[in-house]
Amino acid sequence: MQDPFANPDAPPDLSHAGAVVDKAIEFMTGQNISTLAIASALLGGAMGMLSQGMTEDAMVRVLENAITSVRRGELRAEHGSH
């Protein structure tokens, strides 16, 4: 899976948004919020943002791509988890 932050064609605000999300995750972790709660909140927020500019069919394709990445083990390989 290609790192979107390494993509020279990515929008310039993508890196900034990623950094803000990383800080939010760090803050929530420090507040002893569970990993599942953090991930669920971020996914819900992301889906809400996507729904503002995508059709439902396009959102389903995004989710199907994510499912494919999980099944291929791409996320596990990136983050070193098992």
C-alpha atoms as a PDB file:
ATOM      1  CA  MET A   1       0.000   0.000   0.000  1.00  0.00           C
ATOM      2  CA  GLN A   2       1.482   3.353  -1.007  1.00  0.00           C
ATOM      3  CA  ASP A   3       1.960   5.974   1.706  1.00  0.00           C
ATOM      4  CA  PRO A   4      -0.257   8.941   0.702  1.00  0.00           C
ATOM      5  CA  PHE A   5       2.056  11.333   2.527  1.00  0.00           C
ATOM      6  CA  ALA A   6       4.910  10.314   0.219  1.00  0.00           C
ATOM      7  CA  ASN A   7       2.837  11.018  -2.909  1.00  0.00           C
ATOM      8  CA  PRO A   8       4.064  14.243  -4.573  1.00  0.00           C
ATOM      9  CA  ASP A   9       0.642  14.636  -6.241  1.00  0.00           C
ATOM     10  CA  ALA A  10      -1.206  14.576  -2.898  1.00  0.00           C
ATOM     11  CA  PRO A  11      -2.918  17.784  -1.817  1.00  0.00           C
ATOM     12  CA  PRO A  12      -0.597  19.937   0.315  1.00  0.00           C
ATOM     13  CA  ASP A  13      -3.024  19.915   3.243  1.00  0.00           C
ATOM     14  CA  LEU A  14      -2.995  16.090   3.454  1.00  0.00           C
ATOM     15  CA  SER A  15       0.236  16.046   5.467  1.00  0.00           C
ATOM     16  CA  HIS A  16      -1.114  18.710   7.809  1.00  0.00           C
ATOM     17  CA  ALA A  17      -4.389  16.838   8.292  1.00  0.00           C
ATOM     18  CA  GLY A  18      -2.464  13.624   8.978  1.00  0.00           C
ATOM     19  CA  ALA A  19      -0.353  15.361  11.601  1.00  0.00           C
ATOM     20  CA  VAL A  20      -3.461  16.761  13.309  1.00  0.00           C
ATOM     21  CA  VAL A  21      -5.069  13.300  13.379  1.00  0.00           C
ATOM     22  CA  ASP A  22      -1.857  11.801  14.799  1.00  0.00           C
ATOM     23  CA  LYS A  23      -1.887  14.403  17.599  1.00  0.00           C
ATOM     24  CA  ALA A  24      -5.580  13.728  18.290  1.00  0.00           C
ATOM     25  CA  ILE A  25      -4.850  10.000  18.562  1.00  0.00           C
ATOM     26  CA  GLU A  26      -1.921  10.705  20.868  1.00  0.00           C
ATOM     27  CA  PHE A  27      -4.145  12.915  23.058  1.00  0.00           C
ATOM     28  CA  MET A  28      -6.967  10.355  23.229  1.00  0.00           C
ATOM     29  CA  THR A  29      -4.502   7.577  24.059  1.00  0.00           C
ATOM     30  CA  GLY A  30      -3.168   9.744  26.866  1.00  0.00           C
ATOM     31  CA  GLN A  31      -6.733  10.091  28.139  1.00  0.00           C
ATOM     32  CA  ASN A  32      -6.934   6.273  28.390  1.00  0.00           C
ATOM     33  CA  ILE A  33      -9.557   6.047  25.657  1.00  0.00           C
ATOM     34  CA  SER A  34      -9.564   2.534  24.247  1.00  0.00           C
ATOM     35  CA  THR A  35      -8.036   1.805  20.869  1.00  0.00           C
ATOM     36  CA  LEU A  36     -11.387   0.503  19.633  1.00  0.00           C
ATOM     37  CA  ALA A  37     -13.202   3.670  20.717  1.00  0.00           C
ATOM     38  CA  ILE A  38     -10.579   5.881  19.067  1.00  0.00           C
ATOM     39  CA  ALA A  39     -10.641   3.901  15.831  1.00  0.00           C
ATOM     40  CA  SER A  40     -14.439   3.784  15.763  1.00  0.00           C
ATOM     41  CA  ALA A  41     -14.695   7.537  16.294  1.00  0.00           C
ATOM     42  CA  LEU A  42     -12.114   8.254  13.596  1.00  0.00           C
ATOM     43  CA  LEU A  43     -13.808   5.887  11.135  1.00  0.00           C
ATOM     44  CA  GLY A  44     -17.197   7.426  11.844  1.00  0.00           C
ATOM     45  CA  GLY A  45     -15.796  10.907  11.343  1.00  0.00           C
ATOM     46  CA  ALA A  46     -14.038   9.888   8.138  1.00  0.00           C
ATOM     47  CA  MET A  47     -17.208   8.333   6.751  1.00  0.00           C
ATOM     48  CA  GLY A  48     -19.122  11.494   7.628  1.00  0.00           C
ATOM     49  CA  MET A  49     -16.567  13.597   5.770  1.00  0.00           C
ATOM     50  CA  LEU A  50     -16.613  11.284   2.742  1.00  0.00           C
ATOM     51  CA  SER A  51     -20.415  11.383   2.630  1.00  0.00           C
ATOM     52  CA  GLN A  52     -20.243  15.128   2.015  1.00  0.00           C
ATOM     53  CA  GLY A  53     -18.488  14.685  -1.306  1.00  0.00           C
ATOM     54  CA  MET A  54     -19.112  11.136  -2.522  1.00  0.00           C
ATOM     55  CA  THR A  55     -21.995   9.021  -3.624  1.00  0.00           C
ATOM     56  CA  GLU A  56     -22.928   5.991  -1.552  1.00  0.00           C
ATOM     57  CA  ASP A  57     -21.570   3.730  -4.314  1.00  0.00           C
ATOM     58  CA  ALA A  58     -18.214   5.533  -4.202  1.00  0.00           C
ATOM     59  CA  MET A  59     -18.110   5.186  -0.408  1.00  0.00           C
ATOM     60  CA  VAL A  60     -18.798   1.447  -0.723  1.00  0.00           C
ATOM     61  CA  ARG A  61     -15.855   1.164  -3.156  1.00  0.00           C
ATOM     62  CA  VAL A  62     -13.603   2.949  -0.644  1.00  0.00           C
ATOM     63  CA  LEU A  63     -14.691   0.500   2.069  1.00  0.00           C
ATOM     64  CA  GLU A  64     -14.245  -2.483  -0.248  1.00  0.00           C
ATOM     65  CA  ASN A  65     -10.695  -1.296  -1.006  1.00  0.00           C
ATOM     66  CA  ALA A  66     -10.027  -1.036   2.730  1.00  0.00           C
ATOM     67  CA  ILE A  67     -11.381  -4.554   3.285  1.00  0.00           C
ATOM     68  CA  THR A  68      -9.153  -5.859   0.495  1.00  0.00           C
ATOM     69  CA  SER A  69      -6.113  -4.200   2.115  1.00  0.00           C
ATOM     70  CA  VAL A  70      -6.932  -5.819   5.462  1.00  0.00           C
ATOM     71  CA  ARG A  71      -7.402  -9.253   3.894  1.00  0.00           C
ATOM     72  CA  ARG A  72      -4.079  -8.951   2.078  1.00  0.00           C
ATOM     73  CA  GLY A  73      -2.329  -8.124   5.344  1.00  0.00           C
ATOM     74  CA  GLU A  74      -1.175  -4.752   4.047  1.00  0.00           C
ATOM     75  CA  LEU A  75      -1.989  -2.886   7.245  1.00  0.00           C
ATOM     76  CA  ARG A  76      -0.363  -5.519   9.421  1.00  0.00           C
ATOM     77  CA  ALA A  77       2.838  -5.317   7.351  1.00  0.00           C
ATOM     78  CA  GLU A  78       2.892  -1.496   7.524  1.00  0.00           C
ATOM     79  CA  HIS A  79       2.448  -1.263  11.259  1.00  0.00           C
ATOM     80  CA  GLY A  80       4.279  -4.385  12.324  1.00  0.00           C
ATOM     81  CA  SER A  81       1.298  -5.776  14.229  1.00  0.00           C
ATOM     82  CA  HIS A  82       0.142  -9.374  14.165  1.00  0.00           C
END
